[in-house]
């Protein structure tokens, strides 16, 4: 949520990529992560 994203961004004080979200909370078209089948190759900036 917004408080979580803000805390992460404030830690870096720069735009920050959060990568490799769980498959179940992301859309159907995202490529699976070969290093972790429960996540996908994605990022939110």
ModelCIF file with pLDDT and N, C-alpha, C, O atoms, coordinates in Angstrom:
data_MODEL
#
_entry.id   MODEL 
#
_entity.id                         1 
_entity.type                       polymer 
_entity.pdbx_number_of_molecules   1 
#
_entity_poly.entity_id                      1 
_entity_poly.type                           'polypeptide(L)' 
_entity_poly.nstd_linkage                   no 
_entity_poly.nstd_monomer                   no 
_entity_poly.pdbx_seq_one_letter_code       
;(UNK)(UNK)(UNK)(UNK)(UNK)(UNK)(UNK)(UNK)(UNK)(UNK)(UNK)(UNK)(UNK)(UNK)(UNK)(UNK)
(UNK)(UNK)(UNK)(UNK)(UNK)(UNK)(UNK)(UNK)(UNK)(UNK)(UNK)(UNK)(UNK)(UNK)(UNK)(UNK)
(UNK)(UNK)(UNK)(UNK)(UNK)(UNK)(UNK)(UNK)(UNK)(UNK)(UNK)(UNK)(UNK)
;
_entity_poly.pdbx_seq_one_letter_code_can   XXXXXXXXXXXXXXXXXXXXXXXXXXXXXXXXXXXXXXXXXXXXX 
_entity_poly.pdbx_strand_id                 A 
#
loop_
_entity_poly_seq.entity_id 
_entity_poly_seq.num 
_entity_poly_seq.mon_id 
_entity_poly_seq.hetero 
1 1  UNK n 
1 2  UNK n 
1 3  UNK n 
1 4  UNK n 
1 5  UNK n 
1 6  UNK n 
1 7  UNK n 
1 8  UNK n 
1 9  UNK n 
1 10 UNK n 
1 11 UNK n 
1 12 UNK n 
1 13 UNK n 
1 14 UNK n 
1 15 UNK n 
1 16 UNK n 
1 17 UNK n 
1 18 UNK n 
1 19 UNK n 
1 20 UNK n 
1 21 UNK n 
1 22 UNK n 
1 23 UNK n 
1 24 UNK n 
1 25 UNK n 
1 26 UNK n 
1 27 UNK n 
1 28 UNK n 
1 29 UNK n 
1 30 UNK n 
1 31 UNK n 
1 32 UNK n 
1 33 UNK n 
1 34 UNK n 
1 35 UNK n 
1 36 UNK n 
1 37 UNK n 
1 38 UNK n 
1 39 UNK n 
1 40 UNK n 
1 41 UNK n 
1 42 UNK n 
1 43 UNK n 
1 44 UNK n 
1 45 UNK n 
#
_struct_asym.id          A 
_struct_asym.entity_id   1 
#
loop_
_ma_qa_metric.id 
_ma_qa_metric.mode 
_ma_qa_metric.name 
_ma_qa_metric.software_group_id 
_ma_qa_metric.type 
1 global pLDDT . pLDDT 
2 local  pLDDT . pLDDT 
#
_ma_qa_metric_global.metric_id      1 
_ma_qa_metric_global.metric_value   96.76 
_ma_qa_metric_global.model_id       1 
_ma_qa_metric_global.ordinal_id     1 
#
loop_
_ma_qa_metric_local.label_asym_id 
_ma_qa_metric_local.label_comp_id 
_ma_qa_metric_local.label_seq_id 
_ma_qa_metric_local.metric_id 
_ma_qa_metric_local.metric_value 
_ma_qa_metric_local.model_id 
_ma_qa_metric_local.ordinal_id 
A UNK 1  2 95.00 1 1  
A UNK 2  2 94.00 1 2  
A UNK 3  2 96.00 1 3  
A UNK 4  2 97.00 1 4  
A UNK 5  2 97.00 1 5  
A UNK 6  2 96.00 1 6  
A UNK 7  2 97.00 1 7  
A UNK 8  2 97.00 1 8  
A UNK 9  2 96.00 1 9  
A UNK 10 2 95.00 1 10 
A UNK 11 2 96.00 1 11 
A UNK 12 2 95.00 1 12 
A UNK 13 2 90.00 1 13 
A UNK 14 2 95.00 1 14 
A UNK 15 2 98.00 1 15 
A UNK 16 2 98.00 1 16 
A UNK 17 2 98.00 1 17 
A UNK 18 2 98.00 1 18 
A UNK 19 2 98.00 1 19 
A UNK 20 2 98.00 1 20 
A UNK 21 2 98.00 1 21 
A UNK 22 2 98.00 1 22 
A UNK 23 2 98.00 1 23 
A UNK 24 2 97.00 1 24 
A UNK 25 2 96.00 1 25 
A UNK 26 2 96.00 1 26 
A UNK 27 2 95.00 1 27 
A UNK 28 2 96.00 1 28 
A UNK 29 2 97.00 1 29 
A UNK 30 2 98.00 1 30 
A UNK 31 2 98.00 1 31 
A UNK 32 2 98.00 1 32 
A UNK 33 2 98.00 1 33 
A UNK 34 2 98.00 1 34 
A UNK 35 2 97.00 1 35 
A UNK 36 2 97.00 1 36 
A UNK 37 2 91.00 1 37 
A UNK 38 2 98.00 1 38 
A UNK 39 2 98.00 1 39 
A UNK 40 2 98.00 1 40 
A UNK 41 2 98.00 1 41 
A UNK 42 2 98.00 1 42 
A UNK 43 2 98.00 1 43 
A UNK 44 2 98.00 1 44 
A UNK 45 2 98.00 1 45 
#
loop_
_atom_site.group_PDB 
_atom_site.id 
_atom_site.type_symbol 
_atom_site.label_atom_id 
_atom_site.label_alt_id 
_atom_site.label_comp_id 
_atom_site.label_asym_id 
_atom_site.label_entity_id 
_atom_site.label_seq_id 
_atom_site.pdbx_PDB_ins_code 
_atom_site.Cartn_x 
_atom_site.Cartn_y 
_atom_site.Cartn_z 
_atom_site.occupancy 
_atom_site.B_iso_or_equiv 
_atom_site.pdbx_formal_charge 
_atom_site.auth_seq_id 
_atom_site.auth_comp_id 
_atom_site.auth_asym_id 
_atom_site.auth_atom_id 
_atom_site.pdbx_PDB_model_num 
ATOM 1   N N  . UNK A 1 1  ? 0.829  -1.193  0.000   1.00 95.00 ? 1  UNK A N  1 
ATOM 2   C CA . UNK A 1 1  ? 0.000  0.000   0.000   1.00 95.00 ? 1  UNK A CA 1 
ATOM 3   C C  . UNK A 1 1  ? 0.864  1.244   0.000   1.00 95.00 ? 1  UNK A C  1 
ATOM 4   O O  . UNK A 1 1  ? 2.092  1.163   0.002   1.00 95.00 ? 1  UNK A O  1 
ATOM 5   N N  . UNK A 1 2  ? 0.214  2.391   -0.002  1.00 94.00 ? 2  UNK A N  1 
ATOM 6   C CA . UNK A 1 2  ? 0.935  3.666   -0.057  1.00 94.00 ? 2  UNK A CA 1 
ATOM 7   C C  . UNK A 1 2  ? 1.947  3.827   1.076   1.00 94.00 ? 2  UNK A C  1 
ATOM 8   O O  . UNK A 1 2  ? 3.071  4.252   0.810   1.00 94.00 ? 2  UNK A O  1 
ATOM 9   N N  . UNK A 1 3  ? 1.604  3.507   2.332   1.00 96.00 ? 3  UNK A N  1 
ATOM 10  C CA . UNK A 1 3  ? 2.597  3.665   3.414   1.00 96.00 ? 3  UNK A CA 1 
ATOM 11  C C  . UNK A 1 3  ? 3.828  2.787   3.214   1.00 96.00 ? 3  UNK A C  1 
ATOM 12  O O  . UNK A 1 3  ? 4.945  3.194   3.534   1.00 96.00 ? 3  UNK A O  1 
ATOM 13  N N  . UNK A 1 4  ? 3.621  1.584   2.685   1.00 97.00 ? 4  UNK A N  1 
ATOM 14  C CA . UNK A 1 4  ? 4.750  0.679   2.453   1.00 97.00 ? 4  UNK A CA 1 
ATOM 15  C C  . UNK A 1 4  ? 5.666  1.230   1.363   1.00 97.00 ? 4  UNK A C  1 
ATOM 16  O O  . UNK A 1 4  ? 6.886  1.258   1.525   1.00 97.00 ? 4  UNK A O  1 
ATOM 17  N N  . UNK A 1 5  ? 5.075  1.667   0.254   1.00 97.00 ? 5  UNK A N  1 
ATOM 18  C CA . UNK A 1 5  ? 5.876  2.215   -0.845  1.00 97.00 ? 5  UNK A CA 1 
ATOM 19  C C  . UNK A 1 5  ? 6.634  3.456   -0.400  1.00 97.00 ? 5  UNK A C  1 
ATOM 20  O O  . UNK A 1 5  ? 7.794  3.648   -0.767  1.00 97.00 ? 5  UNK A O  1 
ATOM 21  N N  . UNK A 1 6  ? 5.978  4.297   0.391   1.00 96.00 ? 6  UNK A N  1 
ATOM 22  C CA . UNK A 1 6  ? 6.623  5.523   0.863   1.00 96.00 ? 6  UNK A CA 1 
ATOM 23  C C  . UNK A 1 6  ? 7.821  5.204   1.749   1.00 96.00 ? 6  UNK A C  1 
ATOM 24  O O  . UNK A 1 6  ? 8.869  5.838   1.630   1.00 96.00 ? 6  UNK A O  1 
ATOM 25  N N  . UNK A 1 7  ? 7.669  4.228   2.632   1.00 97.00 ? 7  UNK A N  1 
ATOM 26  C CA . UNK A 1 7  ? 8.775  3.859   3.523   1.00 97.00 ? 7  UNK A CA 1 
ATOM 27  C C  . UNK A 1 7  ? 9.976  3.358   2.726   1.00 97.00 ? 7  UNK A C  1 
ATOM 28  O O  . UNK A 1 7  ? 11.117 3.697   3.041   1.00 97.00 ? 7  UNK A O  1 
ATOM 29  N N  . UNK A 1 8  ? 9.722  2.556   1.701   1.00 97.00 ? 8  UNK A N  1 
ATOM 30  C CA . UNK A 1 8  ? 10.813 2.040   0.874   1.00 97.00 ? 8  UNK A CA 1 
ATOM 31  C C  . UNK A 1 8  ? 11.484 3.173   0.105   1.00 97.00 ? 8  UNK A C  1 
ATOM 32  O O  . UNK A 1 8  ? 12.711 3.254   0.048   1.00 97.00 ? 8  UNK A O  1 
ATOM 33  N N  . UNK A 1 9  ? 10.671 4.047   -0.484  1.00 96.00 ? 9  UNK A N  1 
ATOM 34  C CA . UNK A 1 9  ? 11.224 5.166   -1.255  1.00 96.00 ? 9  UNK A CA 1 
ATOM 35  C C  . UNK A 1 9  ? 12.017 6.117   -0.362  1.00 96.00 ? 9  UNK A C  1 
ATOM 36  O O  . UNK A 1 9  ? 13.077 6.601   -0.759  1.00 96.00 ? 9  UNK A O  1 
ATOM 37  N N  . UNK A 1 10 ? 11.515 6.384   0.825   1.00 95.00 ? 10 UNK A N  1 
ATOM 38  C CA . UNK A 1 10 ? 12.217 7.290   1.737   1.00 95.00 ? 10 UNK A CA 1 
ATOM 39  C C  . UNK A 1 10 ? 13.571 6.734   2.154   1.00 95.00 ? 10 UNK A C  1 
ATOM 40  O O  . UNK A 1 10 ? 14.501 7.493   2.425   1.00 95.00 ? 10 UNK A O  1 
ATOM 41  N N  . UNK A 1 11 ? 13.680 5.435   2.207   1.00 96.00 ? 11 UNK A N  1 
ATOM 42  C CA . UNK A 1 11 ? 14.948 4.808   2.579   1.00 96.00 ? 11 UNK A CA 1 
ATOM 43  C C  . UNK A 1 11 ? 16.032 5.101   1.552   1.00 96.00 ? 11 UNK A C  1 
ATOM 44  O O  . UNK A 1 11 ? 17.202 5.263   1.899   1.00 96.00 ? 11 UNK A O  1 
ATOM 45  N N  . UNK A 1 12 ? 15.631 5.166   0.278   1.00 95.00 ? 12 UNK A N  1 
ATOM 46  C CA . UNK A 1 12 ? 16.599 5.406   -0.793  1.00 95.00 ? 12 UNK A CA 1 
ATOM 47  C C  . UNK A 1 12 ? 16.662 6.868   -1.217  1.00 95.00 ? 12 UNK A C  1 
ATOM 48  O O  . UNK A 1 12 ? 17.693 7.324   -1.711  1.00 95.00 ? 12 UNK A O  1 
ATOM 49  N N  . UNK A 1 13 ? 15.564 7.610   -1.030  1.00 90.00 ? 13 UNK A N  1 
ATOM 50  C CA . UNK A 1 13 ? 15.479 9.022   -1.429  1.00 90.00 ? 13 UNK A CA 1 
ATOM 51  C C  . UNK A 1 13 ? 15.720 9.207   -2.928  1.00 90.00 ? 13 UNK A C  1 
ATOM 52  O O  . UNK A 1 13 ? 16.157 10.269  -3.371  1.00 90.00 ? 13 UNK A O  1 
ATOM 53  N N  . UNK A 1 14 ? 15.432 8.171   -3.693  1.00 95.00 ? 14 UNK A N  1 
ATOM 54  C CA . UNK A 1 14 ? 15.558 8.180   -5.146  1.00 95.00 ? 14 UNK A CA 1 
ATOM 55  C C  . UNK A 1 14 ? 14.445 7.282   -5.697  1.00 95.00 ? 14 UNK A C  1 
ATOM 56  O O  . UNK A 1 14 ? 13.857 6.509   -4.941  1.00 95.00 ? 14 UNK A O  1 
ATOM 57  N N  . UNK A 1 15 ? 14.149 7.368   -6.983  1.00 98.00 ? 15 UNK A N  1 
ATOM 58  C CA . UNK A 1 15 ? 13.253 6.363   -7.553  1.00 98.00 ? 15 UNK A CA 1 
ATOM 59  C C  . UNK A 1 15 ? 13.858 4.983   -7.341  1.00 98.00 ? 15 UNK A C  1 
ATOM 60  O O  . UNK A 1 15 ? 15.055 4.789   -7.554  1.00 98.00 ? 15 UNK A O  1 
ATOM 61  N N  . UNK A 1 16 ? 13.044 4.028   -6.927  1.00 98.00 ? 16 UNK A N  1 
ATOM 62  C CA . UNK A 1 16 ? 13.556 2.695   -6.607  1.00 98.00 ? 16 UNK A CA 1 
ATOM 63  C C  . UNK A 1 16 ? 12.675 1.637   -7.265  1.00 98.00 ? 16 UNK A C  1 
ATOM 64  O O  . UNK A 1 16 ? 11.449 1.733   -7.233  1.00 98.00 ? 16 UNK A O  1 
ATOM 65  N N  . UNK A 1 17 ? 13.308 0.628   -7.861  1.00 98.00 ? 17 UNK A N  1 
ATOM 66  C CA . UNK A 1 17 ? 12.590 -0.502  -8.434  1.00 98.00 ? 17 UNK A CA 1 
ATOM 67  C C  . UNK A 1 17 ? 12.333 -1.547  -7.352  1.00 98.00 ? 17 UNK A C  1 
ATOM 68  O O  . UNK A 1 17 ? 13.256 -1.961  -6.651  1.00 98.00 ? 17 UNK A O  1 
ATOM 69  N N  . UNK A 1 18 ? 11.078 -1.970  -7.220  1.00 98.00 ? 18 UNK A N  1 
ATOM 70  C CA . UNK A 1 18 ? 10.742 -3.153  -6.437  1.00 98.00 ? 18 UNK A CA 1 
ATOM 71  C C  . UNK A 1 18 ? 10.467 -4.263  -7.443  1.00 98.00 ? 18 UNK A C  1 
ATOM 72  O O  . UNK A 1 18 ? 9.533  -4.158  -8.238  1.00 98.00 ? 18 UNK A O  1 
ATOM 73  N N  . UNK A 1 19 ? 11.272 -5.327  -7.417  1.00 98.00 ? 19 UNK A N  1 
ATOM 74  C CA . UNK A 1 19 ? 11.230 -6.356  -8.454  1.00 98.00 ? 19 UNK A CA 1 
ATOM 75  C C  . UNK A 1 19 ? 10.677 -7.672  -7.926  1.00 98.00 ? 19 UNK A C  1 
ATOM 76  O O  . UNK A 1 19 ? 10.588 -7.890  -6.718  1.00 98.00 ? 19 UNK A O  1 
ATOM 77  N N  . UNK A 1 20 ? 10.312 -8.537  -8.852  1.00 98.00 ? 20 UNK A N  1 
ATOM 78  C CA . UNK A 1 20 ? 9.989  -9.944  -8.566  1.00 98.00 ? 20 UNK A CA 1 
ATOM 79  C C  . UNK A 1 20 ? 8.838  -10.102 -7.579  1.00 98.00 ? 20 UNK A C  1 
ATOM 80  O O  . UNK A 1 20 ? 8.995  -10.693 -6.511  1.00 98.00 ? 20 UNK A O  1 
ATOM 81  N N  . UNK A 1 21 ? 7.693  -9.572  -7.950  1.00 98.00 ? 21 UNK A N  1 
ATOM 82  C CA . UNK A 1 21 ? 6.494  -9.705  -7.117  1.00 98.00 ? 21 UNK A CA 1 
ATOM 83  C C  . UNK A 1 21 ? 5.931  -11.126 -7.207  1.00 98.00 ? 21 UNK A C  1 
ATOM 84  O O  . UNK A 1 21 ? 6.215  -11.848 -8.163  1.00 98.00 ? 21 UNK A O  1 
ATOM 85  N N  . UNK A 1 22 ? 5.131  -11.526 -6.208  1.00 98.00 ? 22 UNK A N  1 
ATOM 86  C CA . UNK A 1 22 ? 4.477  -12.838 -6.276  1.00 98.00 ? 22 UNK A CA 1 
ATOM 87  C C  . UNK A 1 22 ? 3.576  -12.949 -7.501  1.00 98.00 ? 22 UNK A C  1 
ATOM 88  O O  . UNK A 1 22 ? 2.892  -11.998 -7.879  1.00 98.00 ? 22 UNK A O  1 
ATOM 89  N N  . UNK A 1 23 ? 3.591  -14.123 -8.107  1.00 98.00 ? 23 UNK A N  1 
ATOM 90  C CA . UNK A 1 23 ? 2.796  -14.377 -9.304  1.00 98.00 ? 23 UNK A CA 1 
ATOM 91  C C  . UNK A 1 23 ? 1.312  -14.109 -9.060  1.00 98.00 ? 23 UNK A C  1 
ATOM 92  O O  . UNK A 1 23 ? 0.620  -13.574 -9.927  1.00 98.00 ? 23 UNK A O  1 
ATOM 93  N N  . UNK A 1 24 ? 0.829  -14.483 -7.879  1.00 97.00 ? 24 UNK A N  1 
ATOM 94  C CA . UNK A 1 24 ? -0.614 -14.447 -7.634  1.00 97.00 ? 24 UNK A CA 1 
ATOM 95  C C  . UNK A 1 24 ? -1.187 -13.038 -7.521  1.00 97.00 ? 24 UNK A C  1 
ATOM 96  O O  . UNK A 1 24 ? -2.406 -12.876 -7.580  1.00 97.00 ? 24 UNK A O  1 
ATOM 97  N N  . UNK A 1 25 ? -0.353 -12.016 -7.362  1.00 96.00 ? 25 UNK A N  1 
ATOM 98  C CA . UNK A 1 25 ? -0.886 -10.650 -7.254  1.00 96.00 ? 25 UNK A CA 1 
ATOM 99  C C  . UNK A 1 25 ? -0.585 -9.818  -8.501  1.00 96.00 ? 25 UNK A C  1 
ATOM 100 O O  . UNK A 1 25 ? -0.796 -8.605  -8.513  1.00 96.00 ? 25 UNK A O  1 
ATOM 101 N N  . UNK A 1 26 ? -0.090 -10.480 -9.546  1.00 96.00 ? 26 UNK A N  1 
ATOM 102 C CA . UNK A 1 26 ? 0.244  -9.766  -10.770 1.00 96.00 ? 26 UNK A CA 1 
ATOM 103 C C  . UNK A 1 26 ? -0.570 -10.320 -11.945 1.00 96.00 ? 26 UNK A C  1 
ATOM 104 O O  . UNK A 1 26 ? -1.084 -11.436 -11.864 1.00 96.00 ? 26 UNK A O  1 
ATOM 105 N N  . UNK A 1 27 ? -0.691 -9.555  -13.032 1.00 95.00 ? 27 UNK A N  1 
ATOM 106 C CA . UNK A 1 27 ? -1.509 -9.983  -14.182 1.00 95.00 ? 27 UNK A CA 1 
ATOM 107 C C  . UNK A 1 27 ? -0.997 -11.263 -14.836 1.00 95.00 ? 27 UNK A C  1 
ATOM 108 O O  . UNK A 1 27 ? 0.128  -11.702 -14.598 1.00 95.00 ? 27 UNK A O  1 
ATOM 109 N N  . UNK A 1 28 ? -1.857 -11.845 -15.666 1.00 96.00 ? 28 UNK A N  1 
ATOM 110 C CA . UNK A 1 28 ? -1.620 -13.168 -16.229 1.00 96.00 ? 28 UNK A CA 1 
ATOM 111 C C  . UNK A 1 28 ? -0.469 -13.244 -17.212 1.00 96.00 ? 28 UNK A C  1 
ATOM 112 O O  . UNK A 1 28 ? 0.061  -14.329 -17.452 1.00 96.00 ? 28 UNK A O  1 
ATOM 113 N N  . UNK A 1 29 ? -0.066 -12.116 -17.790 1.00 97.00 ? 29 UNK A N  1 
ATOM 114 C CA . UNK A 1 29 ? 0.856  -12.145 -18.928 1.00 97.00 ? 29 UNK A CA 1 
ATOM 115 C C  . UNK A 1 29 ? 2.327  -12.059 -18.532 1.00 97.00 ? 29 UNK A C  1 
ATOM 116 O O  . UNK A 1 29 ? 3.183  -12.022 -19.417 1.00 97.00 ? 29 UNK A O  1 
ATOM 117 N N  . UNK A 1 30 ? 2.657  -12.026 -17.247 1.00 98.00 ? 30 UNK A N  1 
ATOM 118 C CA . UNK A 1 30 ? 4.039  -11.794 -16.831 1.00 98.00 ? 30 UNK A CA 1 
ATOM 119 C C  . UNK A 1 30 ? 4.863  -13.076 -16.813 1.00 98.00 ? 30 UNK A C  1 
ATOM 120 O O  . UNK A 1 30 ? 4.398  -14.125 -16.368 1.00 98.00 ? 30 UNK A O  1 
ATOM 121 N N  . UNK A 1 31 ? 6.092  -12.971 -17.305 1.00 98.00 ? 31 UNK A N  1 
ATOM 122 C CA . UNK A 1 31 ? 7.003  -14.104 -17.413 1.00 98.00 ? 31 UNK A CA 1 
ATOM 123 C C  . UNK A 1 31 ? 7.437  -14.602 -16.032 1.00 98.00 ? 31 UNK A C  1 
ATOM 124 O O  . UNK A 1 31 ? 7.833  -13.799 -15.187 1.00 98.00 ? 31 UNK A O  1 
ATOM 125 N N  . UNK A 1 32 ? 7.369  -15.915 -15.793 1.00 98.00 ? 32 UNK A N  1 
ATOM 126 C CA . UNK A 1 32 ? 7.821  -16.455 -14.510 1.00 98.00 ? 32 UNK A CA 1 
ATOM 127 C C  . UNK A 1 32 ? 9.313  -16.181 -14.271 1.00 98.00 ? 32 UNK A C  1 
ATOM 128 O O  . UNK A 1 32 ? 10.112 -16.104 -15.204 1.00 98.00 ? 32 UNK A O  1 
ATOM 129 N N  . UNK A 1 33 ? 9.643  -16.042 -13.019 1.00 98.00 ? 33 UNK A N  1 
ATOM 130 C CA . UNK A 1 33 ? 11.034 -15.837 -12.620 1.00 98.00 ? 33 UNK A CA 1 
ATOM 131 C C  . UNK A 1 33 ? 11.733 -17.197 -12.581 1.00 98.00 ? 33 UNK A C  1 
ATOM 132 O O  . UNK A 1 33 ? 11.326 -18.059 -11.802 1.00 98.00 ? 33 UNK A O  1 
ATOM 133 N N  . UNK A 1 34 ? 12.759 -17.417 -13.387 1.00 98.00 ? 34 UNK A N  1 
ATOM 134 C CA . UNK A 1 34 ? 13.413 -18.740 -13.402 1.00 98.00 ? 34 UNK A CA 1 
ATOM 135 C C  . UNK A 1 34 ? 14.095 -19.085 -12.084 1.00 98.00 ? 34 UNK A C  1 
ATOM 136 O O  . UNK A 1 34 ? 14.363 -20.255 -11.810 1.00 98.00 ? 34 UNK A O  1 
ATOM 137 N N  . UNK A 1 35 ? 14.378 -18.070 -11.265 1.00 97.00 ? 35 UNK A N  1 
ATOM 138 C CA . UNK A 1 35 ? 15.039 -18.315 -9.979  1.00 97.00 ? 35 UNK A CA 1 
ATOM 139 C C  . UNK A 1 35 ? 14.058 -18.548 -8.841  1.00 97.00 ? 35 UNK A C  1 
ATOM 140 O O  . UNK A 1 35 ? 14.454 -18.962 -7.752  1.00 97.00 ? 35 UNK A O  1 
ATOM 141 N N  . UNK A 1 36 ? 12.774 -18.282 -9.089  1.00 97.00 ? 36 UNK A N  1 
ATOM 142 C CA . UNK A 1 36 ? 11.758 -18.467 -8.048  1.00 97.00 ? 36 UNK A CA 1 
ATOM 143 C C  . UNK A 1 36 ? 10.408 -18.584 -8.730  1.00 97.00 ? 36 UNK A C  1 
ATOM 144 O O  . UNK A 1 36 ? 9.847  -17.583 -9.176  1.00 97.00 ? 36 UNK A O  1 
ATOM 145 N N  . UNK A 1 37 ? 9.881  -19.798 -8.814  1.00 91.00 ? 37 UNK A N  1 
ATOM 146 C CA . UNK A 1 37 ? 8.660  -20.048 -9.578  1.00 91.00 ? 37 UNK A CA 1 
ATOM 147 C C  . UNK A 1 37 ? 7.428  -19.376 -8.977  1.00 91.00 ? 37 UNK A C  1 
ATOM 148 O O  . UNK A 1 37 ? 6.386  -19.311 -9.629  1.00 91.00 ? 37 UNK A O  1 
ATOM 149 N N  . UNK A 1 38 ? 7.530  -18.880 -7.760  1.00 98.00 ? 38 UNK A N  1 
ATOM 150 C CA . UNK A 1 38 ? 6.393  -18.198 -7.133  1.00 98.00 ? 38 UNK A CA 1 
ATOM 151 C C  . UNK A 1 38 ? 6.350  -16.702 -7.461  1.00 98.00 ? 38 UNK A C  1 
ATOM 152 O O  . UNK A 1 38 ? 5.436  -15.998 -7.032  1.00 98.00 ? 38 UNK A O  1 
ATOM 153 N N  . UNK A 1 39 ? 7.330  -16.223 -8.213  1.00 98.00 ? 39 UNK A N  1 
ATOM 154 C CA . UNK A 1 39 ? 7.388  -14.800 -8.554  1.00 98.00 ? 39 UNK A CA 1 
ATOM 155 C C  . UNK A 1 39 ? 7.509  -14.629 -10.060 1.00 98.00 ? 39 UNK A C  1 
ATOM 156 O O  . UNK A 1 39 ? 7.747  -15.590 -10.793 1.00 98.00 ? 39 UNK A O  1 
ATOM 157 N N  . UNK A 1 40 ? 7.342  -13.390 -10.509 1.00 98.00 ? 40 UNK A N  1 
ATOM 158 C CA . UNK A 1 40 ? 7.436  -13.079 -11.945 1.00 98.00 ? 40 UNK A CA 1 
ATOM 159 C C  . UNK A 1 40 ? 8.483  -12.003 -12.182 1.00 98.00 ? 40 UNK A C  1 
ATOM 160 O O  . UNK A 1 40 ? 8.861  -11.266 -11.271 1.00 98.00 ? 40 UNK A O  1 
ATOM 161 N N  . UNK A 1 41 ? 8.944  -11.929 -13.428 1.00 98.00 ? 41 UNK A N  1 
ATOM 162 C CA . UNK A 1 41 ? 9.960  -10.937 -13.808 1.00 98.00 ? 41 UNK A CA 1 
ATOM 163 C C  . UNK A 1 41 ? 9.277  -9.600  -14.066 1.00 98.00 ? 41 UNK A C  1 
ATOM 164 O O  . UNK A 1 41 ? 8.902  -9.280  -15.194 1.00 98.00 ? 41 UNK A O  1 
ATOM 165 N N  . UNK A 1 42 ? 9.127  -8.842  -13.010 1.00 98.00 ? 42 UNK A N  1 
ATOM 166 C CA . UNK A 1 42 ? 8.415  -7.564  -13.109 1.00 98.00 ? 42 UNK A CA 1 
ATOM 167 C C  . UNK A 1 42 ? 9.044  -6.564  -12.159 1.00 98.00 ? 42 UNK A C  1 
ATOM 168 O O  . UNK A 1 42 ? 9.889  -6.917  -11.336 1.00 98.00 ? 42 UNK A O  1 
ATOM 169 N N  . UNK A 1 43 ? 8.629  -5.320  -12.277 1.00 98.00 ? 43 UNK A N  1 
ATOM 170 C CA . UNK A 1 43 ? 9.088  -4.287  -11.350 1.00 98.00 ? 43 UNK A CA 1 
ATOM 171 C C  . UNK A 1 43 ? 8.098  -3.139  -11.342 1.00 98.00 ? 43 UNK A C  1 
ATOM 172 O O  . UNK A 1 43 ? 7.506  -2.796  -12.365 1.00 98.00 ? 43 UNK A O  1 
ATOM 173 N N  . UNK A 1 44 ? 7.932  -2.558  -10.175 1.00 98.00 ? 44 UNK A N  1 
ATOM 174 C CA . UNK A 1 44 ? 7.258  -1.269  -10.030 1.00 98.00 ? 44 UNK A CA 1 
ATOM 175 C C  . UNK A 1 44 ? 8.321  -0.235  -9.691  1.00 98.00 ? 44 UNK A C  1 
ATOM 176 O O  . UNK A 1 44 ? 9.180  -0.474  -8.843  1.00 98.00 ? 44 UNK A O  1 
ATOM 177 N N  . UNK A 1 45 ? 8.261  0.912   -10.352 1.00 98.00 ? 45 UNK A N  1 
ATOM 178 C CA . UNK A 1 45 ? 9.174  2.001   -10.020 1.00 98.00 ? 45 UNK A CA 1 
ATOM 179 C C  . UNK A 1 45 ? 8.452  2.955   -9.079  1.00 98.00 ? 45 UNK A C  1 
ATOM 180 O O  . UNK A 1 45 ? 9.026  3.960   -8.658  1.00 98.00 ? 45 UNK A O  1 
#
